[in-house]
N, C-alpha and C. Protein backbone atom coordinates (compact mmCIF):
# COMPACT_ATOMS: atom_id res chain seq x y z
N MET A 1 -4.43 17.69 -32.05
CA MET A 1 -4.95 18.40 -30.86
C MET A 1 -3.77 19.42 -30.24
N ALA A 2 -4.07 20.43 -29.90
CA ALA A 2 -3.10 21.41 -29.27
C ALA A 2 -2.79 21.07 -27.86
N ALA A 3 -1.78 21.09 -27.42
CA ALA A 3 -1.39 21.05 -26.17
C ALA A 3 -1.80 22.27 -25.04
N THR A 4 -2.22 22.15 -24.03
CA THR A 4 -2.57 23.01 -23.23
C THR A 4 -1.49 23.28 -22.11
N ALA A 5 -1.34 24.40 -21.51
CA ALA A 5 -0.33 24.63 -20.45
C ALA A 5 -0.82 23.82 -19.23
N LEU A 6 -2.20 23.78 -19.07
CA LEU A 6 -2.53 22.97 -17.88
C LEU A 6 -2.24 21.61 -17.99
N ALA A 7 -2.43 21.00 -19.17
CA ALA A 7 -2.28 19.43 -19.46
C ALA A 7 -0.64 19.50 -19.32
N ALA A 8 0.22 20.26 -19.46
CA ALA A 8 1.69 20.21 -19.56
C ALA A 8 2.17 20.31 -17.99
N LEU A 9 1.39 20.64 -17.13
CA LEU A 9 1.99 20.84 -15.73
C LEU A 9 2.50 19.46 -15.14
N ARG A 10 3.59 19.71 -14.44
CA ARG A 10 4.11 18.57 -13.42
C ARG A 10 3.23 18.50 -12.18
N THR A 11 3.41 17.36 -11.54
CA THR A 11 2.45 17.26 -10.38
C THR A 11 2.75 18.56 -9.39
N SER A 12 3.83 19.00 -9.22
CA SER A 12 4.09 19.90 -8.15
C SER A 12 3.42 21.36 -8.77
N GLU A 13 3.60 21.44 -9.98
CA GLU A 13 3.04 22.78 -10.66
C GLU A 13 1.30 22.56 -10.43
N GLN A 14 0.76 21.34 -10.73
CA GLN A 14 -0.65 21.20 -10.66
C GLN A 14 -1.16 21.58 -9.14
N ALA A 15 -0.12 21.19 -8.18
CA ALA A 15 -0.60 21.57 -6.83
C ALA A 15 -0.54 22.93 -6.52
N GLN A 16 0.26 23.61 -7.09
CA GLN A 16 0.59 24.98 -7.01
C GLN A 16 -0.73 25.71 -7.70
N VAL A 17 -1.23 25.39 -8.82
CA VAL A 17 -2.42 25.82 -9.41
C VAL A 17 -3.60 25.67 -8.56
N LEU A 18 -3.66 24.47 -7.95
CA LEU A 18 -4.81 24.12 -7.23
C LEU A 18 -4.73 25.07 -6.06
N THR A 19 -3.74 25.22 -5.24
CA THR A 19 -3.63 26.10 -4.17
C THR A 19 -4.05 27.64 -4.51
N ASN A 20 -3.56 28.06 -5.62
CA ASN A 20 -3.76 29.36 -6.08
C ASN A 20 -5.34 29.41 -6.38
N LEU A 21 -5.77 28.48 -7.17
CA LEU A 21 -7.14 28.55 -7.54
C LEU A 21 -8.23 28.65 -6.31
N LEU A 22 -7.88 27.76 -5.14
CA LEU A 22 -8.55 27.75 -3.93
C LEU A 22 -8.54 29.10 -3.21
N ARG A 23 -7.28 29.61 -3.17
CA ARG A 23 -7.16 30.81 -2.44
C ARG A 23 -7.88 31.97 -3.28
N THR A 24 -8.00 31.98 -4.51
CA THR A 24 -8.70 32.98 -5.26
C THR A 24 -10.28 32.72 -5.29
N HIS A 25 -10.56 31.37 -5.29
CA HIS A 25 -12.14 31.03 -5.19
C HIS A 25 -12.40 30.08 -4.05
N PRO A 26 -12.41 30.53 -2.83
CA PRO A 26 -12.67 29.64 -1.66
C PRO A 26 -13.95 28.89 -1.73
N GLU A 27 -14.86 29.44 -2.60
CA GLU A 27 -16.19 28.70 -2.71
C GLU A 27 -16.02 27.35 -3.35
N LEU A 28 -14.92 27.04 -4.03
CA LEU A 28 -14.67 25.59 -4.64
C LEU A 28 -13.98 24.74 -3.54
N ALA A 29 -13.74 25.27 -2.33
CA ALA A 29 -13.05 24.30 -1.35
C ALA A 29 -13.88 23.11 -1.05
N ALA A 30 -15.04 23.19 -0.86
CA ALA A 30 -16.01 21.97 -0.59
C ALA A 30 -15.93 21.05 -1.81
N GLU A 31 -16.06 21.51 -2.87
CA GLU A 31 -15.97 20.55 -4.12
C GLU A 31 -14.68 19.92 -4.26
N ALA A 32 -13.63 20.75 -3.96
CA ALA A 32 -12.24 20.15 -3.97
C ALA A 32 -12.04 19.14 -3.02
N GLU A 33 -12.59 19.48 -1.76
CA GLU A 33 -12.40 18.43 -0.73
C GLU A 33 -13.20 17.10 -1.11
N TRP A 34 -14.43 17.29 -1.71
CA TRP A 34 -14.99 16.12 -2.10
C TRP A 34 -14.10 15.33 -3.27
N HIS A 35 -13.56 16.03 -3.99
CA HIS A 35 -12.72 15.23 -5.02
C HIS A 35 -11.60 14.56 -4.33
N ALA A 36 -10.98 15.19 -3.43
CA ALA A 36 -9.94 14.49 -2.76
C ALA A 36 -10.19 13.43 -2.01
N THR A 37 -11.48 13.60 -1.16
CA THR A 37 -11.89 12.46 -0.47
C THR A 37 -12.19 11.27 -1.31
N THR A 38 -12.78 11.59 -2.58
CA THR A 38 -13.28 10.49 -3.53
C THR A 38 -11.83 9.80 -3.95
N LEU A 39 -10.90 10.69 -4.38
CA LEU A 39 -9.66 10.05 -4.74
C LEU A 39 -9.02 9.08 -3.75
N LEU A 40 -8.81 9.62 -2.54
CA LEU A 40 -8.28 8.99 -1.42
C LEU A 40 -9.10 7.66 -1.12
N SER A 41 -10.46 7.48 -1.43
CA SER A 41 -11.29 6.49 -1.17
C SER A 41 -11.32 5.33 -2.26
N ALA A 42 -10.53 5.68 -3.39
CA ALA A 42 -10.70 4.98 -4.51
C ALA A 42 -10.20 3.42 -4.80
N PRO A 43 -8.99 3.30 -4.10
CA PRO A 43 -8.53 1.89 -4.31
C PRO A 43 -9.20 0.71 -3.63
N SER A 44 -9.65 -0.33 -4.68
CA SER A 44 -10.29 -1.40 -4.15
C SER A 44 -9.16 -2.35 -3.47
N PRO A 45 -9.73 -3.34 -2.59
CA PRO A 45 -8.80 -4.34 -2.12
C PRO A 45 -8.18 -5.12 -3.20
N GLU A 46 -8.95 -5.47 -4.21
CA GLU A 46 -8.42 -6.20 -5.46
C GLU A 46 -7.38 -5.34 -6.16
N GLN A 47 -7.56 -4.17 -6.25
CA GLN A 47 -6.61 -3.27 -7.01
C GLN A 47 -5.23 -3.40 -6.25
N VAL A 48 -5.30 -3.11 -4.88
CA VAL A 48 -4.18 -3.12 -3.96
C VAL A 48 -3.36 -4.44 -3.94
N SER A 49 -4.27 -5.58 -3.88
CA SER A 49 -3.69 -6.96 -4.01
C SER A 49 -3.03 -7.01 -5.24
N THR A 50 -3.46 -6.72 -6.22
CA THR A 50 -2.93 -7.04 -7.54
C THR A 50 -1.62 -6.16 -7.64
N ALA A 51 -1.61 -4.92 -7.40
CA ALA A 51 -0.47 -4.15 -7.53
C ALA A 51 0.53 -4.70 -6.68
N LEU A 52 0.38 -4.96 -5.24
CA LEU A 52 1.59 -5.49 -4.44
C LEU A 52 2.04 -6.84 -5.02
N ALA A 53 1.10 -7.73 -5.41
CA ALA A 53 1.47 -8.98 -5.86
C ALA A 53 2.48 -8.90 -7.17
N GLU A 54 2.15 -7.89 -7.92
CA GLU A 54 2.93 -7.78 -9.19
C GLU A 54 4.31 -7.24 -8.62
N THR A 55 4.33 -6.37 -7.68
CA THR A 55 5.69 -5.99 -7.18
C THR A 55 6.44 -6.93 -6.61
N LEU A 56 5.77 -7.64 -5.73
CA LEU A 56 6.63 -8.77 -5.04
C LEU A 56 6.94 -9.93 -6.08
N THR A 57 6.17 -10.39 -6.70
CA THR A 57 6.46 -11.51 -7.83
C THR A 57 7.45 -10.79 -8.76
N GLY A 58 7.54 -9.59 -8.93
CA GLY A 58 8.58 -9.02 -9.88
C GLY A 58 9.93 -9.02 -9.45
N TYR A 59 10.21 -9.22 -8.22
CA TYR A 59 11.55 -9.02 -7.70
C TYR A 59 12.23 -10.35 -8.17
N GLU A 60 13.56 -10.10 -8.38
CA GLU A 60 14.42 -11.14 -8.74
C GLU A 60 15.55 -11.11 -7.91
N PHE A 61 16.52 -12.19 -7.90
CA PHE A 61 17.60 -11.99 -6.93
C PHE A 61 18.53 -10.93 -7.26
N THR A 62 18.72 -10.60 -8.56
CA THR A 62 19.53 -9.35 -8.85
C THR A 62 19.17 -8.09 -8.14
N ASP A 63 17.86 -8.05 -7.82
CA ASP A 63 17.34 -6.99 -7.00
C ASP A 63 18.01 -6.62 -5.68
N MET A 64 18.46 -7.84 -5.08
CA MET A 64 19.21 -7.88 -3.82
C MET A 64 20.45 -6.99 -3.88
N ASP A 65 20.97 -6.75 -5.09
CA ASP A 65 22.39 -6.11 -5.14
C ASP A 65 21.79 -4.63 -5.48
N ALA A 66 20.76 -4.22 -5.56
CA ALA A 66 20.47 -2.67 -5.83
C ALA A 66 21.17 -1.79 -4.76
N PRO A 67 21.56 -0.70 -5.17
CA PRO A 67 22.26 0.15 -4.15
C PRO A 67 21.47 0.49 -2.94
N ASP A 68 20.21 0.70 -3.07
CA ASP A 68 19.39 1.09 -1.98
C ASP A 68 19.22 -0.24 -0.95
N VAL A 69 19.55 -1.42 -1.19
CA VAL A 69 19.41 -2.40 -0.44
C VAL A 69 20.50 -2.44 0.63
N GLY A 70 21.72 -2.42 0.33
CA GLY A 70 22.76 -2.25 1.16
C GLY A 70 23.00 -3.30 2.39
N ILE A 71 22.57 -4.51 2.07
CA ILE A 71 22.65 -5.39 3.16
C ILE A 71 23.11 -6.65 2.45
N CYS A 72 24.11 -7.35 3.31
CA CYS A 72 24.98 -8.44 2.77
C CYS A 72 24.25 -9.69 2.94
N ASP A 73 23.60 -9.94 4.04
CA ASP A 73 22.99 -11.12 4.31
C ASP A 73 21.86 -11.48 3.20
N PRO A 74 21.83 -12.51 2.59
CA PRO A 74 20.69 -12.69 1.50
C PRO A 74 19.38 -12.73 2.09
N ASP A 75 19.07 -13.47 3.21
CA ASP A 75 17.86 -13.41 3.85
C ASP A 75 17.28 -11.98 4.24
N ASP A 76 18.36 -11.24 4.72
CA ASP A 76 17.98 -9.91 5.26
C ASP A 76 17.59 -9.05 4.06
N ALA A 77 18.40 -9.14 2.88
CA ALA A 77 18.12 -8.49 1.77
C ALA A 77 16.56 -8.82 1.10
N CYS A 78 16.47 -10.00 1.20
CA CYS A 78 15.02 -10.29 0.60
C CYS A 78 13.88 -9.70 1.57
N ALA A 79 14.14 -9.83 2.89
CA ALA A 79 13.34 -9.33 3.82
C ALA A 79 13.03 -7.67 3.62
N PHE A 80 14.21 -7.16 3.25
CA PHE A 80 14.21 -5.71 2.91
C PHE A 80 13.36 -5.35 1.77
N LEU A 81 13.48 -6.06 0.75
CA LEU A 81 12.70 -5.87 -0.56
C LEU A 81 11.24 -6.15 -0.31
N VAL A 82 10.71 -7.05 0.48
CA VAL A 82 9.40 -7.19 0.91
C VAL A 82 8.93 -5.85 1.61
N ASP A 83 9.77 -5.48 2.59
CA ASP A 83 9.42 -4.33 3.38
C ASP A 83 9.15 -3.17 2.58
N LYS A 84 10.08 -3.00 1.54
CA LYS A 84 10.18 -1.83 0.69
C LYS A 84 8.85 -1.94 -0.11
N ALA A 85 8.30 -3.11 -0.35
CA ALA A 85 7.06 -3.10 -1.09
C ALA A 85 5.89 -2.82 -0.25
N VAL A 86 6.00 -3.40 0.90
CA VAL A 86 4.61 -3.27 1.69
C VAL A 86 4.69 -1.91 2.55
N ASP A 87 5.71 -1.41 3.05
CA ASP A 87 5.79 -0.19 3.78
C ASP A 87 4.99 1.03 3.03
N PRO A 88 4.91 1.40 1.90
CA PRO A 88 4.26 2.37 1.35
C PRO A 88 2.60 2.28 1.48
N TYR A 89 2.24 0.94 1.63
CA TYR A 89 0.82 0.65 1.93
C TYR A 89 0.58 0.83 3.22
N LEU A 90 1.52 0.58 4.16
CA LEU A 90 1.29 0.91 5.58
C LEU A 90 1.06 2.37 5.81
N SER A 91 1.97 3.09 5.02
CA SER A 91 1.96 4.54 5.17
C SER A 91 0.53 5.15 4.64
N GLU A 92 -0.01 4.59 3.67
CA GLU A 92 -1.18 4.89 3.06
C GLU A 92 -2.36 4.53 3.78
N ILE A 93 -2.30 3.43 4.58
CA ILE A 93 -3.41 3.01 5.60
C ILE A 93 -3.19 4.04 6.69
N GLN A 94 -2.18 4.51 7.19
CA GLN A 94 -2.09 5.47 8.15
C GLN A 94 -2.67 6.81 7.80
N ARG A 95 -2.29 7.21 6.41
CA ARG A 95 -2.79 8.57 5.89
C ARG A 95 -4.38 8.68 5.80
N ARG A 96 -4.93 7.36 5.28
CA ARG A 96 -6.39 7.36 5.31
C ARG A 96 -6.88 7.38 6.57
N ALA A 97 -6.48 6.64 7.48
CA ALA A 97 -6.96 6.74 8.97
C ALA A 97 -6.84 8.05 9.58
N SER A 98 -5.82 8.77 9.28
CA SER A 98 -5.78 10.11 9.95
C SER A 98 -6.78 11.07 9.40
N LEU A 99 -7.38 10.76 8.17
CA LEU A 99 -8.28 11.69 7.69
C LEU A 99 -9.64 11.27 7.98
N GLY A 100 -9.94 10.04 8.77
CA GLY A 100 -11.03 9.52 9.06
C GLY A 100 -11.63 8.63 8.02
N LEU A 101 -10.82 8.22 7.00
CA LEU A 101 -11.36 7.40 5.98
C LEU A 101 -11.07 5.93 6.22
N THR A 102 -11.77 5.42 7.26
CA THR A 102 -11.53 4.01 7.93
C THR A 102 -11.95 2.96 6.86
N ASN A 103 -12.89 3.06 6.21
CA ASN A 103 -13.19 2.12 4.87
C ASN A 103 -12.18 2.13 4.06
N ALA A 104 -11.56 3.27 3.53
CA ALA A 104 -10.44 3.24 2.67
C ALA A 104 -9.26 2.57 3.37
N ALA A 105 -8.90 2.91 4.67
CA ALA A 105 -7.78 2.27 5.35
C ALA A 105 -7.95 0.61 5.42
N HIS A 106 -9.11 0.35 5.60
CA HIS A 106 -9.44 -1.14 5.76
C HIS A 106 -9.52 -1.92 4.39
N GLY A 107 -9.72 -1.05 3.30
CA GLY A 107 -9.65 -1.56 1.94
C GLY A 107 -8.21 -1.89 1.51
N ILE A 108 -7.25 -0.87 1.87
CA ILE A 108 -5.86 -1.03 1.45
C ILE A 108 -5.45 -2.08 2.40
N ALA A 109 -5.62 -2.25 3.58
CA ALA A 109 -5.24 -3.33 4.50
C ALA A 109 -5.63 -4.66 4.09
N THR A 110 -7.01 -4.79 3.77
CA THR A 110 -7.43 -6.06 3.10
C THR A 110 -6.78 -6.40 1.99
N GLY A 111 -6.50 -5.55 1.02
CA GLY A 111 -5.79 -5.86 -0.30
C GLY A 111 -4.41 -6.41 0.02
N VAL A 112 -3.56 -5.85 1.12
CA VAL A 112 -2.36 -6.21 1.35
C VAL A 112 -2.36 -7.58 1.90
N LEU A 113 -3.26 -7.89 2.87
CA LEU A 113 -3.48 -9.19 3.32
C LEU A 113 -3.76 -10.13 2.22
N MET A 114 -4.70 -9.81 1.42
CA MET A 114 -4.89 -10.78 0.26
C MET A 114 -3.85 -11.08 -0.58
N SER A 115 -3.02 -10.03 -0.87
CA SER A 115 -1.79 -10.32 -1.79
C SER A 115 -0.89 -11.17 -0.86
N LEU A 116 -0.49 -10.89 0.30
CA LEU A 116 0.43 -11.70 0.92
C LEU A 116 -0.02 -13.27 1.03
N TYR A 117 -1.37 -13.28 1.43
CA TYR A 117 -1.90 -14.66 1.63
C TYR A 117 -2.00 -15.54 0.29
N GLY A 118 -2.24 -14.80 -0.90
CA GLY A 118 -2.15 -15.30 -2.13
C GLY A 118 -0.63 -15.79 -2.66
N LEU A 119 0.36 -15.31 -2.05
CA LEU A 119 1.74 -15.46 -2.33
C LEU A 119 2.39 -16.58 -1.53
N ARG A 120 1.53 -17.32 -0.64
CA ARG A 120 2.17 -18.30 0.31
C ARG A 120 2.82 -19.34 -0.40
N GLU A 121 2.44 -19.65 -1.59
CA GLU A 121 3.24 -20.68 -2.32
C GLU A 121 4.81 -20.52 -2.62
N TYR A 122 5.10 -19.15 -2.36
CA TYR A 122 6.48 -18.74 -2.45
C TYR A 122 7.31 -18.80 -1.32
N GLU A 123 6.58 -19.00 -0.19
CA GLU A 123 7.30 -19.08 1.13
C GLU A 123 8.28 -20.38 1.02
N HIS A 124 9.49 -20.02 1.46
CA HIS A 124 10.48 -21.05 1.45
C HIS A 124 10.83 -21.78 0.37
N CYS A 125 10.41 -21.15 -0.93
CA CYS A 125 10.83 -21.56 -2.21
C CYS A 125 12.29 -20.87 -2.58
N THR A 126 13.06 -21.75 -2.84
CA THR A 126 14.40 -21.40 -3.16
C THR A 126 14.78 -20.63 -4.54
N GLU A 127 13.67 -20.75 -5.31
CA GLU A 127 13.66 -20.06 -6.70
C GLU A 127 13.08 -18.60 -6.74
N HIS A 128 12.72 -18.17 -5.51
CA HIS A 128 12.21 -16.65 -5.74
C HIS A 128 12.63 -16.02 -4.41
N VAL A 129 12.83 -14.64 -4.58
CA VAL A 129 13.11 -13.76 -3.51
C VAL A 129 12.25 -13.87 -2.30
N LEU A 130 10.90 -14.13 -2.47
CA LEU A 130 10.01 -14.33 -1.43
C LEU A 130 10.10 -15.52 -0.55
N GLY A 131 10.92 -16.43 -1.23
CA GLY A 131 11.21 -17.71 -0.47
C GLY A 131 12.16 -17.53 0.75
N SER A 132 13.00 -16.32 0.61
CA SER A 132 14.07 -16.27 1.72
C SER A 132 13.59 -14.99 2.58
N ALA A 133 12.43 -14.35 2.49
CA ALA A 133 12.05 -13.23 3.14
C ALA A 133 11.44 -13.56 4.51
N GLY A 134 11.25 -14.82 4.71
CA GLY A 134 10.57 -15.11 5.90
C GLY A 134 9.13 -15.41 5.69
N ASP A 135 8.31 -15.81 6.85
CA ASP A 135 6.81 -15.95 6.65
C ASP A 135 6.28 -14.81 6.37
N LEU A 136 5.38 -14.90 5.27
CA LEU A 136 4.44 -13.75 4.92
C LEU A 136 3.52 -13.53 5.97
N VAL A 137 3.09 -14.30 6.80
CA VAL A 137 2.05 -14.04 7.85
C VAL A 137 2.81 -12.91 8.92
N ASP A 138 4.04 -13.00 8.92
CA ASP A 138 4.58 -11.88 9.79
C ASP A 138 4.51 -10.41 9.02
N TYR A 139 4.58 -10.44 7.99
CA TYR A 139 4.25 -9.22 7.20
C TYR A 139 2.92 -8.72 7.42
N ALA A 140 1.98 -9.73 7.34
CA ALA A 140 0.45 -9.50 7.56
C ALA A 140 0.23 -9.06 8.94
N ARG A 141 1.00 -9.61 9.83
CA ARG A 141 0.65 -9.07 11.13
C ARG A 141 1.10 -7.75 11.43
N ARG A 142 2.19 -7.20 10.62
CA ARG A 142 2.36 -5.67 10.78
C ARG A 142 1.29 -4.97 10.33
N VAL A 143 0.42 -5.31 9.37
CA VAL A 143 -0.63 -4.79 9.03
C VAL A 143 -1.79 -4.74 10.01
N THR A 144 -2.10 -5.78 10.64
CA THR A 144 -3.17 -5.87 11.86
C THR A 144 -2.57 -5.19 13.01
N ILE A 145 -1.50 -5.07 13.33
CA ILE A 145 -0.86 -4.32 14.49
C ILE A 145 -1.12 -2.86 14.22
N LEU A 146 -0.80 -2.34 12.98
CA LEU A 146 -1.01 -1.01 12.75
C LEU A 146 -2.29 -0.64 12.85
N LEU A 147 -3.36 -1.50 12.52
CA LEU A 147 -4.72 -1.06 12.42
C LEU A 147 -5.22 -0.92 14.03
N GLU A 148 -4.64 -1.96 14.71
CA GLU A 148 -4.89 -1.93 16.21
C GLU A 148 -4.38 -0.63 16.77
N GLN A 149 -3.18 -0.29 16.52
CA GLN A 149 -2.59 0.87 17.15
C GLN A 149 -3.34 2.29 16.65
N LEU A 150 -4.05 2.11 15.52
CA LEU A 150 -4.65 3.31 15.02
C LEU A 150 -6.20 3.19 15.65
N ASP A 151 -6.47 2.23 16.35
CA ASP A 151 -7.79 2.07 16.80
C ASP A 151 -8.79 1.80 15.86
N ILE A 152 -8.57 1.13 14.87
CA ILE A 152 -9.43 0.76 13.78
C ILE A 152 -9.23 -0.65 13.20
N PRO A 153 -9.19 -1.66 14.21
CA PRO A 153 -8.89 -2.99 13.93
C PRO A 153 -9.79 -3.33 12.59
N LEU A 154 -9.16 -4.43 11.91
CA LEU A 154 -10.02 -4.93 10.79
C LEU A 154 -11.11 -5.77 11.27
N PRO A 155 -12.24 -5.76 10.76
CA PRO A 155 -13.40 -6.61 11.31
C PRO A 155 -13.02 -8.07 10.82
N PRO A 156 -13.43 -8.94 11.75
CA PRO A 156 -13.19 -10.23 11.40
C PRO A 156 -13.55 -10.84 10.17
N GLU A 157 -14.63 -10.36 9.47
CA GLU A 157 -15.08 -10.93 8.48
C GLU A 157 -14.15 -10.48 7.19
N TYR A 158 -13.34 -9.31 7.41
CA TYR A 158 -12.49 -8.94 6.30
C TYR A 158 -11.29 -9.82 6.40
N LEU A 159 -10.82 -10.13 7.72
CA LEU A 159 -9.87 -11.08 7.93
C LEU A 159 -10.12 -12.46 7.40
N ASP A 160 -11.30 -13.04 7.64
CA ASP A 160 -11.71 -14.34 7.04
C ASP A 160 -11.65 -14.31 5.61
N ALA A 161 -12.09 -13.21 4.95
CA ALA A 161 -12.01 -13.23 3.52
C ALA A 161 -10.74 -13.01 3.05
N ALA A 162 -9.77 -12.34 3.44
CA ALA A 162 -8.53 -12.18 2.88
C ALA A 162 -7.68 -13.10 3.26
N CYS A 163 -7.49 -13.62 4.35
CA CYS A 163 -6.66 -14.57 5.01
C CYS A 163 -7.16 -15.74 5.81
N PRO A 164 -8.00 -16.52 5.33
CA PRO A 164 -8.82 -17.39 6.24
C PRO A 164 -7.97 -18.34 7.09
N THR A 165 -6.88 -18.66 6.72
CA THR A 165 -6.10 -19.72 7.60
C THR A 165 -5.06 -19.14 8.44
N TRP A 166 -4.80 -17.75 8.40
CA TRP A 166 -3.83 -17.19 9.18
C TRP A 166 -4.29 -16.70 10.51
N PRO A 167 -3.75 -16.86 11.48
CA PRO A 167 -4.14 -16.51 12.87
C PRO A 167 -3.87 -15.01 13.04
N LEU A 168 -4.67 -14.06 12.66
CA LEU A 168 -4.42 -12.67 12.68
C LEU A 168 -5.59 -12.11 13.63
N ALA A 169 -6.47 -12.79 14.14
CA ALA A 169 -7.56 -12.11 14.64
C ALA A 169 -7.14 -11.69 15.90
N ASN A 170 -7.73 -10.53 16.49
CA ASN A 170 -7.35 -9.77 17.63
C ASN A 170 -7.42 -10.81 19.00
């Protein structure tokens, strides 16, 4: 099968083609917007939970020595790694909320909470990075505080499903 120029484009080049295409054919804007909204609405809580859990459980103590960590205290380095994994999800929650995609923001938030709650067994475990990162409920609180600041608090039934024994309700 012959390669096409379109298939060979890098992400930034694809964006440029889309911009040019919409500029040339504004009648495609509504369809492009629909596709963008669909894409941004896509991740399920389970997908988010699995992806975050894979990142967090994949950390090893050698990751604390990575150049971007730059922290000497082992506990702080572990907390930095958890923040590094969780922060992109917080950004995505904020991005979805700014677009009015509350259900997508809630889905990502629920996935993060499910992941953190499911990793409780690692808390205070000396054999894993998560054991020195502090209480995972504190990272979960960052999620619920962000949602409250965005004025889209997570419904209680979502909290109950994601992390039933954690005191995160408003």
